[in-house]
């Protein structure tokens, strides 16, 4: 048997290194739930602790603010954009929870395997990479033999498209957050007109004024406590996902260029916060 054949046989007998990719299972974002629950609880507590007999529940005011906000927002955007936003909003409550440092460690494992066994060896981890769809798609380009420039171009297009979709959804939420208080003000004006039309009955002025002001109250709550914070949370989710995508992009580019994994470690740490940075070779 020739030396080349013996080397190939020995390479085949070497066990495949284990590479674990962290799961991207969607979990509840308890900060969102707790924030909404405690904020609404504080408002409700203040209402219940007051010694007034005023009622803070008025169905017409609720319908005017909520439905008015939805319809006015739909006027500013297309139906398709509104439908897509519904799915994106869910990420404010349920999103993939994973540590960037864990993914960076997995990328270092993959880079080390590619350095020692070649790019085709990465096909053995196809099932593991499916846990992270963007990771699987990116490394399929690596295994298929695309150049670093082509991979960089294609992945950047996908990252930019993702950011643009997320920005559009957060802009819809911000627009709705601006409309909600305005709808509350419109409801208040409607109530004031009805109150002024019934000035002959002084006893009805007080209750009518209270109902009129309730729409402003509902609009302020919907816009400033629900919609605006959700838009901020959506931006945070976008930033987290973009960081994950950039880690994968830099790893793919480094592997295709056959760079030393030690340099990749430095590049990945440059993307991570100091508390998340890895020490792979230490």
C-alpha atoms as a PDB file:
ATOM      1  CA  UNK A   1       0.000   0.000   0.000  1.00  0.00           C
ATOM      2  CA  UNK A   2       1.353   3.439  -0.963  1.00  0.00           C
ATOM      3  CA  UNK A   3       2.028   6.186   1.567  1.00  0.00           C
ATOM      4  CA  UNK A   4      -0.852   8.255   0.176  1.00  0.00           C
ATOM      5  CA  UNK A   5      -3.306   5.368   0.528  1.00  0.00           C
ATOM      6  CA  UNK A   6      -2.098   4.667   4.043  1.00  0.00           C
ATOM      7  CA  UNK A   7      -2.577   8.350   4.965  1.00  0.00           C
ATOM      8  CA  UNK A   8      -6.084   8.320   3.521  1.00  0.00           C
ATOM      9  CA  UNK A   9      -6.944   5.147   5.411  1.00  0.00           C
ATOM     10  CA  UNK A  10      -5.593   6.608   8.638  1.00  0.00           C
ATOM     11  CA  UNK A  11      -7.604   9.788   8.052  1.00  0.00           C
ATOM     12  CA  UNK A  12     -10.796   7.725   7.679  1.00  0.00           C
ATOM     13  CA  UNK A  13     -10.148   5.869  10.930  1.00  0.00           C
ATOM     14  CA  UNK A  14      -9.771   9.085  12.950  1.00  0.00           C
ATOM     15  CA  UNK A  15     -13.034   9.649  14.821  1.00  0.00           C
ATOM     16  CA  UNK A  16     -15.017  12.711  13.767  1.00  0.00           C
ATOM     17  CA  UNK A  17     -14.731  15.438  16.419  1.00  0.00           C
ATOM     18  CA  UNK A  18     -17.938  16.292  18.238  1.00  0.00           C
ATOM     19  CA  UNK A  19     -19.380  19.726  17.458  1.00  0.00           C
ATOM     20  CA  UNK A  20     -22.419  20.999  19.338  1.00  0.00           C
ATOM     21  CA  UNK A  21     -24.500  23.884  18.047  1.00  0.00           C
ATOM     22  CA  UNK A  22     -26.710  25.559  20.677  1.00  0.00           C
ATOM     23  CA  UNK A  23     -30.433  25.120  20.134  1.00  0.00           C
ATOM     24  CA  UNK A  24     -32.387  28.178  18.991  1.00  0.00           C
ATOM     25  CA  UNK A  25     -35.661  27.153  20.626  1.00  0.00           C
ATOM     26  CA  UNK A  26     -38.082  30.010  21.133  1.00  0.00           C
ATOM     27  CA  UNK A  27     -38.764  30.761  24.781  1.00  0.00           C
ATOM     28  CA  UNK A  28     -40.967  33.331  26.515  1.00  0.00           C
ATOM     29  CA  UNK A  29     -39.355  36.702  27.072  1.00  0.00           C
ATOM     30  CA  UNK A  30     -40.317  37.111  30.711  1.00  0.00           C
ATOM     31  CA  UNK A  31     -39.039  40.703  30.785  1.00  0.00           C
ATOM     32  CA  UNK A  32     -41.773  41.683  28.315  1.00  0.00           C
ATOM     33  CA  UNK A  33     -44.486  39.833  30.196  1.00  0.00           C
ATOM     34  CA  UNK A  34     -43.401  41.069  33.616  1.00  0.00           C
ATOM     35  CA  UNK A  35     -42.953  44.630  32.385  1.00  0.00           C
ATOM     36  CA  UNK A  36     -46.482  44.798  31.009  1.00  0.00           C
ATOM     37  CA  UNK A  37     -48.028  43.010  33.985  1.00  0.00           C
ATOM     38  CA  UNK A  38     -46.301  45.139  36.638  1.00  0.00           C
ATOM     39  CA  UNK A  39     -46.904  48.409  34.813  1.00  0.00           C
ATOM     40  CA  UNK A  40     -50.598  47.690  34.362  1.00  0.00           C
ATOM     41  CA  UNK A  41     -50.696  46.448  37.953  1.00  0.00           C
ATOM     42  CA  UNK A  42     -49.287  49.735  39.235  1.00  0.00           C
ATOM     43  CA  UNK A  43     -51.903  51.713  37.326  1.00  0.00           C
ATOM     44  CA  UNK A  44     -54.685  49.436  38.516  1.00  0.00           C
ATOM     45  CA  UNK A  45     -53.436  49.667  42.107  1.00  0.00           C
ATOM     46  CA  UNK A  46     -53.442  53.453  41.963  1.00  0.00           C
ATOM     47  CA  UNK A  47     -57.022  53.383  40.695  1.00  0.00           C
ATOM     48  CA  UNK A  48     -58.214  50.962  43.369  1.00  0.00           C
ATOM     49  CA  UNK A  49     -56.428  52.812  46.178  1.00  0.00           C
ATOM     50  CA  UNK A  50     -58.088  56.098  45.313  1.00  0.00           C
ATOM     51  CA  UNK A  51     -61.183  57.042  47.277  1.00  0.00           C
ATOM     52  CA  UNK A  52     -63.076  58.138  44.189  1.00  0.00           C
ATOM     53  CA  UNK A  53     -66.137  56.321  42.880  1.00  0.00           C
ATOM     54  CA  UNK A  54     -65.144  57.075  39.277  1.00  0.00           C
ATOM     55  CA  UNK A  55     -65.362  54.219  36.785  1.00  0.00           C
ATOM     56  CA  UNK A  56     -62.329  53.739  34.548  1.00  0.00           C
ATOM     57  CA  UNK A  57     -64.052  51.295  32.199  1.00  0.00           C
ATOM     58  CA  UNK A  58     -65.841  52.602  29.142  1.00  0.00           C
ATOM     59  CA  UNK A  59     -66.329  50.260  26.197  1.00  0.00           C
ATOM     60  CA  UNK A  60     -66.919  52.914  23.477  1.00  0.00           C
ATOM     61  CA  UNK A  61     -63.692  54.669  24.504  1.00  0.00           C
ATOM     62  CA  UNK A  62     -61.758  51.383  24.364  1.00  0.00           C
ATOM     63  CA  UNK A  63     -63.129  50.571  20.916  1.00  0.00           C
ATOM     64  CA  UNK A  64     -62.368  54.038  19.588  1.00  0.00           C
ATOM     65  CA  UNK A  65     -58.759  53.956  20.766  1.00  0.00           C
ATOM     66  CA  UNK A  66     -57.910  50.332  19.956  1.00  0.00           C
ATOM     67  CA  UNK A  67     -59.771  49.920  16.679  1.00  0.00           C
ATOM     68  CA  UNK A  68     -58.985  53.479  15.638  1.00  0.00           C
ATOM     69  CA  UNK A  69     -55.272  52.878  16.167  1.00  0.00           C
ATOM     70  CA  UNK A  70     -55.399  49.683  14.117  1.00  0.00           C
ATOM     71  CA  UNK A  71     -57.354  51.179  11.229  1.00  0.00           C
ATOM     72  CA  UNK A  72     -55.310  54.384  11.093  1.00  0.00           C
ATOM     73  CA  UNK A  73     -52.083  52.347  11.091  1.00  0.00           C
ATOM     74  CA  UNK A  74     -53.434  50.183   8.276  1.00  0.00           C
ATOM     75  CA  UNK A  75     -54.068  53.347   6.279  1.00  0.00           C
ATOM     76  CA  UNK A  76     -50.360  54.204   6.421  1.00  0.00           C
ATOM     77  CA  UNK A  77     -49.108  50.750   5.354  1.00  0.00           C
ATOM     78  CA  UNK A  78     -50.077  47.940   3.024  1.00  0.00           C
ATOM     79  CA  UNK A  79     -52.011  44.859   4.112  1.00  0.00           C
ATOM     80  CA  UNK A  80     -48.994  42.661   3.414  1.00  0.00           C
ATOM     81  CA  UNK A  81     -46.781  44.780   5.685  1.00  0.00           C
ATOM     82  CA  UNK A  82     -49.328  44.665   8.484  1.00  0.00           C
ATOM     83  CA  UNK A  83     -49.648  40.873   8.216  1.00  0.00           C
ATOM     84  CA  UNK A  84     -45.875  40.365   8.342  1.00  0.00           C
ATOM     85  CA  UNK A  85     -45.614  42.642  11.347  1.00  0.00           C
ATOM     86  CA  UNK A  86     -47.985  40.396  13.287  1.00  0.00           C
ATOM     87  CA  UNK A  87     -45.497  37.542  13.142  1.00  0.00           C
ATOM     88  CA  UNK A  88     -42.559  39.782  13.976  1.00  0.00           C
ATOM     89  CA  UNK A  89     -44.346  41.250  17.008  1.00  0.00           C
ATOM     90  CA  UNK A  90     -44.512  37.751  18.467  1.00  0.00           C
ATOM     91  CA  UNK A  91     -40.705  37.881  18.791  1.00  0.00           C
ATOM     92  CA  UNK A  92     -41.157  40.515  21.511  1.00  0.00           C
ATOM     93  CA  UNK A  93     -42.841  37.817  23.604  1.00  0.00           C
ATOM     94  CA  UNK A  94     -41.235  34.614  22.304  1.00  0.00           C
ATOM     95  CA  UNK A  95     -37.719  34.668  20.871  1.00  0.00           C
ATOM     96  CA  UNK A  96     -34.708  32.370  20.511  1.00  0.00           C
ATOM     97  CA  UNK A  97     -32.637  32.573  23.690  1.00  0.00           C
ATOM     98  CA  UNK A  98     -28.995  31.609  23.248  1.00  0.00           C
ATOM     99  CA  UNK A  99     -25.608  32.823  24.387  1.00  0.00           C
ATOM    100  CA  UNK A 100     -23.413  34.354  21.640  1.00  0.00           C
ATOM    101  CA  UNK A 101     -20.354  32.922  23.422  1.00  0.00           C
ATOM    102  CA  UNK A 102     -21.731  29.391  23.008  1.00  0.00           C
ATOM    103  CA  UNK A 103     -22.233  29.895  19.287  1.00  0.00           C
ATOM    104  CA  UNK A 104     -18.749  31.426  19.006  1.00  0.00           C
ATOM    105  CA  UNK A 105     -17.301  28.321  20.664  1.00  0.00           C
ATOM    106  CA  UNK A 106     -19.192  26.102  18.210  1.00  0.00           C
ATOM    107  CA  UNK A 107     -17.851  28.163  15.312  1.00  0.00           C
ATOM    108  CA  UNK A 108     -14.332  27.677  16.640  1.00  0.00           C
ATOM    109  CA  UNK A 109     -14.933  23.912  16.807  1.00  0.00           C
ATOM    110  CA  UNK A 110     -16.113  23.949  13.193  1.00  0.00           C
ATOM    111  CA  UNK A 111     -13.146  26.056  12.080  1.00  0.00           C
ATOM    112  CA  UNK A 112     -10.733  23.679  13.800  1.00  0.00           C
ATOM    113  CA  UNK A 113     -12.293  20.677  12.062  1.00  0.00           C
ATOM    114  CA  UNK A 114     -12.145  22.431   8.687  1.00  0.00           C
ATOM    115  CA  UNK A 115      -8.494  23.300   9.277  1.00  0.00           C
ATOM    116  CA  UNK A 116      -7.504  19.726  10.124  1.00  0.00           C
ATOM    117  CA  UNK A 117      -9.829  17.673   7.884  1.00  0.00           C
ATOM    118  CA  UNK A 118     -10.838  19.989   5.038  1.00  0.00           C
ATOM    119  CA  UNK A 119     -14.018  21.779   4.081  1.00  0.00           C
ATOM    120  CA  UNK A 120     -15.856  18.652   2.959  1.00  0.00           C
ATOM    121  CA  UNK A 121     -15.614  17.286   6.502  1.00  0.00           C
ATOM    122  CA  UNK A 122     -18.139  19.921   7.545  1.00  0.00           C
ATOM    123  CA  UNK A 123     -20.891  18.029   5.717  1.00  0.00           C
ATOM    124  CA  UNK A 124     -20.819  15.524   8.608  1.00  0.00           C
ATOM    125  CA  UNK A 125     -22.308  18.223  10.852  1.00  0.00           C
ATOM    126  CA  UNK A 126     -25.235  19.077   8.589  1.00  0.00           C
ATOM    127  CA  UNK A 127     -27.794  17.733  11.062  1.00  0.00           C
ATOM    128  CA  UNK A 128     -26.252  19.605  13.974  1.00  0.00           C
ATOM    129  CA  UNK A 129     -26.139  22.869  12.022  1.00  0.00           C
ATOM    130  CA  UNK A 130     -29.832  22.690  11.233  1.00  0.00           C
ATOM    131  CA  UNK A 131     -30.466  23.851  14.782  1.00  0.00           C
ATOM    132  CA  UNK A 132     -29.452  27.298  13.512  1.00  0.00           C
ATOM    133  CA  UNK A 133     -30.991  27.839  10.031  1.00  0.00           C
ATOM    134  CA  UNK A 134     -28.727  30.741   9.067  1.00  0.00           C
ATOM    135  CA  UNK A 135     -25.685  28.745  10.190  1.00  0.00           C
ATOM    136  CA  UNK A 136     -26.744  25.732   8.102  1.00  0.00           C
ATOM    137  CA  UNK A 137     -27.351  27.865   5.016  1.00  0.00           C
ATOM    138  CA  UNK A 138     -24.043  29.676   5.401  1.00  0.00           C
ATOM    139  CA  UNK A 139     -21.891  26.599   5.805  1.00  0.00           C
ATOM    140  CA  UNK A 140     -23.646  24.892   2.923  1.00  0.00           C
ATOM    141  CA  UNK A 141     -22.153  27.643   0.776  1.00  0.00           C
ATOM    142  CA  UNK A 142     -18.751  26.840   2.281  1.00  0.00           C
ATOM    143  CA  UNK A 143     -19.064  23.125   1.544  1.00  0.00           C
ATOM    144  CA  UNK A 144     -20.329  23.846  -1.983  1.00  0.00           C
ATOM    145  CA  UNK A 145     -17.058  25.607  -2.731  1.00  0.00           C
ATOM    146  CA  UNK A 146     -18.101  29.238  -3.100  1.00  0.00           C
ATOM    147  CA  UNK A 147     -15.357  31.824  -2.797  1.00  0.00           C
ATOM    148  CA  UNK A 148     -15.030  34.029   0.270  1.00  0.00           C
ATOM    149  CA  UNK A 149     -16.132  37.055  -1.768  1.00  0.00           C
ATOM    150  CA  UNK A 150     -19.282  35.313  -3.014  1.00  0.00           C
ATOM    151  CA  UNK A 151     -20.172  34.051   0.462  1.00  0.00           C
ATOM    152  CA  UNK A 152     -19.579  37.493   1.950  1.00  0.00           C
ATOM    153  CA  UNK A 153     -21.782  39.126  -0.699  1.00  0.00           C
ATOM    154  CA  UNK A 154     -24.665  36.650  -0.434  1.00  0.00           C
ATOM    155  CA  UNK A 155     -24.747  36.563   3.360  1.00  0.00           C
ATOM    156  CA  UNK A 156     -24.553  40.344   3.647  1.00  0.00           C
ATOM    157  CA  UNK A 157     -27.545  40.631   1.322  1.00  0.00           C
ATOM    158  CA  UNK A 158     -29.502  38.271   3.572  1.00  0.00           C
ATOM    159  CA  UNK A 159     -28.442  40.117   6.735  1.00  0.00           C
ATOM    160  CA  UNK A 160     -29.394  43.477   5.229  1.00  0.00           C
ATOM    161  CA  UNK A 161     -32.768  42.086   4.130  1.00  0.00           C
ATOM    162  CA  UNK A 162     -33.427  40.782   7.641  1.00  0.00           C
ATOM    163  CA  UNK A 163     -32.554  44.149   9.194  1.00  0.00           C
ATOM    164  CA  UNK A 164     -34.784  45.983   6.723  1.00  0.00           C
ATOM    165  CA  UNK A 165     -37.753  43.709   7.489  1.00  0.00           C
ATOM    166  CA  UNK A 166     -37.284  44.197  11.202  1.00  0.00           C
ATOM    167  CA  UNK A 167     -36.929  47.956  10.870  1.00  0.00           C
ATOM    168  CA  UNK A 168     -40.134  48.123   8.857  1.00  0.00           C
ATOM    169  CA  UNK A 169     -42.013  46.212  11.553  1.00  0.00           C
ATOM    170  CA  UNK A 170     -40.642  48.372  14.363  1.00  0.00           C
ATOM    171  CA  UNK A 171     -41.541  51.500  12.369  1.00  0.00           C
ATOM    172  CA  UNK A 172     -45.132  50.244  12.146  1.00  0.00           C
ATOM    173  CA  UNK A 173     -45.212  49.824  15.917  1.00  0.00           C
ATOM    174  CA  UNK A 174     -43.782  53.291  16.432  1.00  0.00           C
ATOM    175  CA  UNK A 175     -46.344  54.755  14.072  1.00  0.00           C
ATOM    176  CA  UNK A 176     -49.105  52.980  15.987  1.00  0.00           C
ATOM    177  CA  UNK A 177     -47.636  54.330  19.246  1.00  0.00           C
ATOM    178  CA  UNK A 178     -47.970  57.847  17.830  1.00  0.00           C
ATOM    179  CA  UNK A 179     -51.522  57.255  16.606  1.00  0.00           C
ATOM    180  CA  UNK A 180     -52.888  55.803  19.860  1.00  0.00           C
ATOM    181  CA  UNK A 181     -52.632  59.037  21.924  1.00  0.00           C
ATOM    182  CA  UNK A 182     -54.017  60.966  18.946  1.00  0.00           C
ATOM    183  CA  UNK A 183     -57.020  58.658  18.820  1.00  0.00           C
ATOM    184  CA  UNK A 184     -57.456  59.233  22.545  1.00  0.00           C
ATOM    185  CA  UNK A 185     -57.499  62.977  21.943  1.00  0.00           C
ATOM    186  CA  UNK A 186     -60.034  62.586  19.138  1.00  0.00           C
ATOM    187  CA  UNK A 187     -62.240  60.549  21.444  1.00  0.00           C
ATOM    188  CA  UNK A 188     -61.942  63.246  24.072  1.00  0.00           C
ATOM    189  CA  UNK A 189     -63.026  65.894  21.563  1.00  0.00           C
ATOM    190  CA  UNK A 190     -66.006  63.763  20.566  1.00  0.00           C
ATOM    191  CA  UNK A 191     -66.977  63.440  24.225  1.00  0.00           C
ATOM    192  CA  UNK A 192     -66.591  67.187  24.801  1.00  0.00           C
ATOM    193  CA  UNK A 193     -68.824  67.974  21.857  1.00  0.00           C
ATOM    194  CA  UNK A 194     -71.482  65.637  23.217  1.00  0.00           C
ATOM    195  CA  UNK A 195     -71.084  67.176  26.678  1.00  0.00           C
ATOM    196  CA  UNK A 196     -71.441  70.737  25.388  1.00  0.00           C
ATOM    197  CA  UNK A 197     -74.527  69.722  23.462  1.00  0.00           C
ATOM    198  CA  UNK A 198     -76.130  68.693  26.767  1.00  0.00           C
ATOM    199  CA  UNK A 199     -75.293  71.746  28.892  1.00  0.00           C
ATOM    200  CA  UNK A 200     -78.935  72.080  29.856  1.00  0.00           C
ATOM    201  CA  UNK A 201     -78.415  69.126  32.193  1.00  0.00           C
ATOM    202  CA  UNK A 202     -75.687  70.153  34.685  1.00  0.00           C
ATOM    203  CA  UNK A 203     -75.741  66.800  36.442  1.00  0.00           C
ATOM    204  CA  UNK A 204     -74.563  65.043  33.257  1.00  0.00           C
ATOM    205  CA  UNK A 205     -71.584  67.323  32.679  1.00  0.00           C
ATOM    206  CA  UNK A 206     -69.294  65.694  35.256  1.00  0.00           C
ATOM    207  CA  UNK A 207     -69.803  62.058  34.141  1.00  0.00           C
ATOM    208  CA  UNK A 208     -69.635  63.054  30.481  1.00  0.00           C
ATOM    209  CA  UNK A 209     -66.359  64.892  31.045  1.00  0.00           C
ATOM    210  CA  UNK A 210     -64.922  61.845  32.835  1.00  0.00           C
ATOM    211  CA  UNK A 211     -65.861  59.573  29.944  1.00  0.00           C
ATOM    212  CA  UNK A 212     -64.357  62.019  27.470  1.00  0.00           C
ATOM    213  CA  UNK A 213     -61.041  62.042  29.326  1.00  0.00           C
ATOM    214  CA  UNK A 214     -60.957  58.246  29.506  1.00  0.00           C
ATOM    215  CA  UNK A 215     -60.150  58.012  25.790  1.00  0.00           C
ATOM    216  CA  UNK A 216     -57.011  60.111  26.349  1.00  0.00           C
ATOM    217  CA  UNK A 217     -56.162  57.804  29.268  1.00  0.00           C
ATOM    218  CA  UNK A 218     -56.549  54.682  27.104  1.00  0.00           C
ATOM    219  CA  UNK A 219     -54.565  56.207  24.248  1.00  0.00           C
ATOM    220  CA  UNK A 220     -51.673  57.128  26.535  1.00  0.00           C
ATOM    221  CA  UNK A 221     -51.548  53.612  27.979  1.00  0.00           C
ATOM    222  CA  UNK A 222     -51.702  51.867  24.597  1.00  0.00           C
ATOM    223  CA  UNK A 223     -49.117  54.110  22.966  1.00  0.00           C
ATOM    224  CA  UNK A 224     -46.588  54.623  25.754  1.00  0.00           C
ATOM    225  CA  UNK A 225     -46.858  51.439  27.789  1.00  0.00           C
ATOM    226  CA  UNK A 226     -47.573  48.789  25.137  1.00  0.00           C
ATOM    227  CA  UNK A 227     -46.632  49.809  21.587  1.00  0.00           C
ATOM    228  CA  UNK A 228     -43.556  52.024  22.092  1.00  0.00           C
ATOM    229  CA  UNK A 229     -41.743  49.573  24.457  1.00  0.00           C
ATOM    230  CA  UNK A 230     -42.516  46.705  22.070  1.00  0.00           C
ATOM    231  CA  UNK A 231     -40.850  48.646  19.245  1.00  0.00           C
ATOM    232  CA  UNK A 232     -37.745  49.088  21.408  1.00  0.00           C
ATOM    233  CA  UNK A 233     -37.756  45.375  22.281  1.00  0.00           C
ATOM    234  CA  UNK A 234     -38.004  44.565  18.575  1.00  0.00           C
ATOM    235  CA  UNK A 235     -34.916  46.691  17.902  1.00  0.00           C
ATOM    236  CA  UNK A 236     -33.059  44.811  20.641  1.00  0.00           C
ATOM    237  CA  UNK A 237     -34.059  41.476  19.117  1.00  0.00           C
ATOM    238  CA  UNK A 238     -32.864  42.689  15.706  1.00  0.00           C
ATOM    239  CA  UNK A 239     -29.495  43.706  17.151  1.00  0.00           C
ATOM    240  CA  UNK A 240     -29.071  40.313  18.871  1.00  0.00           C
ATOM    241  CA  UNK A 241     -29.916  38.372  15.714  1.00  0.00           C
ATOM    242  CA  UNK A 242     -27.659  40.573  13.600  1.00  0.00           C
ATOM    243  CA  UNK A 243     -24.779  39.864  15.962  1.00  0.00           C
ATOM    244  CA  UNK A 244     -25.364  36.109  15.586  1.00  0.00           C
ATOM    245  CA  UNK A 245     -25.436  36.427  11.793  1.00  0.00           C
ATOM    246  CA  UNK A 246     -22.236  38.482  11.753  1.00  0.00           C
ATOM    247  CA  UNK A 247     -20.472  35.853  13.856  1.00  0.00           C
ATOM    248  CA  UNK A 248     -21.432  33.186  11.322  1.00  0.00           C
ATOM    249  CA  UNK A 249     -20.429  35.398   8.394  1.00  0.00           C
ATOM    250  CA  UNK A 250     -16.965  36.100   9.810  1.00  0.00           C
ATOM    251  CA  UNK A 251     -16.432  32.423  10.621  1.00  0.00           C
ATOM    252  CA  UNK A 252     -17.365  31.329   7.093  1.00  0.00           C
ATOM    253  CA  UNK A 253     -15.069  33.924   5.548  1.00  0.00           C
ATOM    254  CA  UNK A 254     -12.175  32.882   7.790  1.00  0.00           C
ATOM    255  CA  UNK A 255     -12.653  29.170   7.082  1.00  0.00           C
ATOM    256  CA  UNK A 256     -12.821  29.619   3.308  1.00  0.00           C
ATOM    257  CA  UNK A 257      -9.688  31.782   3.405  1.00  0.00           C
ATOM    258  CA  UNK A 258      -7.993  28.999   5.412  1.00  0.00           C
ATOM    259  CA  UNK A 259      -7.006  31.384   8.175  1.00  0.00           C
ATOM    260  CA  UNK A 260      -5.561  30.168  11.449  1.00  0.00           C
ATOM    261  CA  UNK A 261      -8.370  29.504  13.993  1.00  0.00           C
ATOM    262  CA  UNK A 262      -6.482  31.672  16.479  1.00  0.00           C
ATOM    263  CA  UNK A 263      -7.076  34.694  14.265  1.00  0.00           C
ATOM    264  CA  UNK A 264     -10.743  33.738  14.002  1.00  0.00           C
ATOM    265  CA  UNK A 265     -10.953  33.705  17.797  1.00  0.00           C
ATOM    266  CA  UNK A 266      -9.759  37.304  17.860  1.00  0.00           C
ATOM    267  CA  UNK A 267     -12.219  38.299  15.142  1.00  0.00           C
ATOM    268  CA  UNK A 268     -15.168  36.700  16.951  1.00  0.00           C
ATOM    269  CA  UNK A 269     -14.187  38.292  20.251  1.00  0.00           C
ATOM    270  CA  UNK A 270     -14.215  41.626  18.477  1.00  0.00           C
ATOM    271  CA  UNK A 271     -17.953  41.099  17.844  1.00  0.00           C
ATOM    272  CA  UNK A 272     -18.714  39.986  21.393  1.00  0.00           C
ATOM    273  CA  UNK A 273     -19.178  41.992  24.555  1.00  0.00           C
ATOM    274  CA  UNK A 274     -16.270  41.670  27.038  1.00  0.00           C
ATOM    275  CA  UNK A 275     -18.344  39.420  29.301  1.00  0.00           C
ATOM    276  CA  UNK A 276     -19.132  37.070  26.382  1.00  0.00           C
ATOM    277  CA  UNK A 277     -15.647  36.800  24.882  1.00  0.00           C
ATOM    278  CA  UNK A 278     -14.214  33.290  24.616  1.00  0.00           C
ATOM    279  CA  UNK A 279     -10.800  31.826  25.426  1.00  0.00           C
ATOM    280  CA  UNK A 280     -10.788  28.852  23.092  1.00  0.00           C
ATOM    281  CA  UNK A 281      -7.060  28.070  23.094  1.00  0.00           C
ATOM    282  CA  UNK A 282      -6.345  28.955  26.743  1.00  0.00           C
END
